Amino acid sequence: MNEMQRKFVSDKLGTLGNIAVGALIFGQFLSKESFLFSFINIGHPS
């Protein structure tokens, strides 16, 4: 990959990470379970 392609992929992976975190947070609000702060901290319910 050249420099331009690496920058593009890096930018898109960052965006994908932001979308994943947003989905985890908003998914908690849409679920029937209560909101768990540990879910945000470690990525899965304790």
N, C-alpha and C. Protein backbone atom coordinates (compact mmCIF):
# COMPACT_ATOMS: atom_id res chain seq x y z
N MET A 1 0.84 -1.18 0.00
CA MET A 1 0.00 0.00 0.00
C MET A 1 0.89 1.24 0.00
N ASN A 2 0.43 2.23 -0.70
CA ASN A 2 1.19 3.48 -0.67
C ASN A 2 0.71 4.34 0.51
N GLU A 3 1.37 5.47 0.70
CA GLU A 3 1.08 6.34 1.84
C GLU A 3 -0.37 6.83 1.84
N MET A 4 -0.87 7.18 0.68
CA MET A 4 -2.25 7.69 0.58
C MET A 4 -3.26 6.61 0.97
N GLN A 5 -3.04 5.38 0.54
CA GLN A 5 -3.93 4.28 0.87
C GLN A 5 -3.89 3.97 2.36
N ARG A 6 -2.70 4.03 2.97
CA ARG A 6 -2.59 3.78 4.41
C ARG A 6 -3.34 4.83 5.21
N LYS A 7 -3.25 6.08 4.80
CA LYS A 7 -3.99 7.16 5.48
C LYS A 7 -5.49 6.95 5.35
N PHE A 8 -5.93 6.54 4.16
CA PHE A 8 -7.35 6.30 3.92
C PHE A 8 -7.87 5.17 4.81
N VAL A 9 -7.14 4.05 4.84
CA VAL A 9 -7.55 2.90 5.65
C VAL A 9 -7.54 3.27 7.13
N SER A 10 -6.53 4.00 7.56
CA SER A 10 -6.44 4.42 8.96
C SER A 10 -7.65 5.29 9.34
N ASP A 11 -8.00 6.21 8.48
CA ASP A 11 -9.15 7.08 8.73
C ASP A 11 -10.44 6.27 8.81
N LYS A 12 -10.61 5.34 7.91
CA LYS A 12 -11.84 4.54 7.89
C LYS A 12 -11.92 3.59 9.08
N LEU A 13 -10.80 3.06 9.54
CA LEU A 13 -10.82 2.21 10.73
C LEU A 13 -11.19 3.02 11.97
N GLY A 14 -10.71 4.26 12.05
CA GLY A 14 -11.10 5.13 13.15
C GLY A 14 -12.60 5.41 13.14
N THR A 15 -13.13 5.67 11.96
CA THR A 15 -14.56 5.91 11.81
C THR A 15 -15.36 4.66 12.20
N LEU A 16 -14.90 3.51 11.77
CA LEU A 16 -15.57 2.26 12.11
C LEU A 16 -15.57 2.03 13.62
N GLY A 17 -14.48 2.35 14.28
CA GLY A 17 -14.42 2.23 15.74
C GLY A 17 -15.42 3.15 16.42
N ASN A 18 -15.55 4.37 15.93
CA ASN A 18 -16.52 5.31 16.50
C ASN A 18 -17.95 4.81 16.32
N ILE A 19 -18.24 4.25 15.17
CA ILE A 19 -19.57 3.71 14.91
C ILE A 19 -19.86 2.53 15.85
N ALA A 20 -18.86 1.67 16.05
CA ALA A 20 -19.04 0.52 16.93
C ALA A 20 -19.32 0.95 18.36
N VAL A 21 -18.58 1.93 18.86
CA VAL A 21 -18.80 2.43 20.22
C VAL A 21 -20.18 3.06 20.33
N GLY A 22 -20.56 3.83 19.34
CA GLY A 22 -21.89 4.44 19.34
C GLY A 22 -22.99 3.39 19.34
N ALA A 23 -22.81 2.33 18.58
CA ALA A 23 -23.80 1.26 18.54
C ALA A 23 -23.91 0.56 19.90
N LEU A 24 -22.78 0.37 20.57
CA LEU A 24 -22.82 -0.26 21.90
C LEU A 24 -23.57 0.62 22.90
N ILE A 25 -23.31 1.91 22.86
CA ILE A 25 -23.96 2.82 23.81
C ILE A 25 -25.45 2.94 23.52
N PHE A 26 -25.82 3.22 22.27
CA PHE A 26 -27.23 3.37 21.94
C PHE A 26 -27.99 2.05 22.03
N GLY A 27 -27.32 0.94 21.80
CA GLY A 27 -27.95 -0.37 21.96
C GLY A 27 -28.38 -0.62 23.38
N GLN A 28 -27.63 -0.11 24.34
CA GLN A 28 -28.01 -0.27 25.74
C GLN A 28 -29.32 0.47 26.02
N PHE A 29 -29.50 1.64 25.43
CA PHE A 29 -30.72 2.41 25.65
C PHE A 29 -31.93 1.75 24.97
N LEU A 30 -31.70 1.03 23.90
CA LEU A 30 -32.79 0.38 23.19
C LEU A 30 -33.15 -0.99 23.77
N SER A 31 -32.25 -1.56 24.55
CA SER A 31 -32.52 -2.89 25.10
C SER A 31 -33.48 -2.80 26.29
N LYS A 32 -34.01 -3.93 26.68
CA LYS A 32 -34.96 -3.96 27.80
C LYS A 32 -34.25 -3.99 29.15
N GLU A 33 -32.94 -4.25 29.12
CA GLU A 33 -32.18 -4.29 30.37
C GLU A 33 -31.82 -2.87 30.81
N SER A 34 -31.49 -2.73 32.09
CA SER A 34 -31.08 -1.42 32.57
C SER A 34 -29.70 -1.08 32.03
N PHE A 35 -29.39 0.20 32.05
CA PHE A 35 -28.11 0.67 31.52
C PHE A 35 -26.98 0.26 32.46
N LEU A 36 -25.95 -0.35 31.91
CA LEU A 36 -24.81 -0.81 32.70
C LEU A 36 -23.56 -0.03 32.30
N PHE A 37 -23.00 0.73 33.25
CA PHE A 37 -21.79 1.47 32.94
C PHE A 37 -20.62 0.54 32.69
N SER A 38 -20.65 -0.64 33.28
CA SER A 38 -19.56 -1.60 33.03
C SER A 38 -19.56 -2.04 31.58
N PHE A 39 -20.71 -1.99 30.93
CA PHE A 39 -20.79 -2.35 29.52
C PHE A 39 -19.95 -1.41 28.67
N ILE A 40 -19.98 -0.14 29.01
CA ILE A 40 -19.18 0.85 28.28
C ILE A 40 -17.70 0.65 28.58
N ASN A 41 -17.38 0.39 29.84
CA ASN A 41 -15.97 0.30 30.24
C ASN A 41 -15.25 -0.89 29.63
N ILE A 42 -15.89 -2.05 29.56
CA ILE A 42 -15.18 -3.25 29.11
C ILE A 42 -15.77 -3.85 27.85
N GLY A 43 -16.89 -3.35 27.36
CA GLY A 43 -17.43 -3.81 26.10
C GLY A 43 -18.44 -4.93 26.18
N HIS A 44 -18.65 -5.48 27.37
CA HIS A 44 -19.68 -6.50 27.53
C HIS A 44 -20.19 -6.45 28.97
N PRO A 45 -21.44 -6.90 29.19
CA PRO A 45 -22.01 -6.82 30.53
C PRO A 45 -21.27 -7.74 31.50
N SER A 46 -21.21 -7.30 32.73
CA SER A 46 -20.54 -8.11 33.77
C SER A 46 -21.49 -9.11 34.38
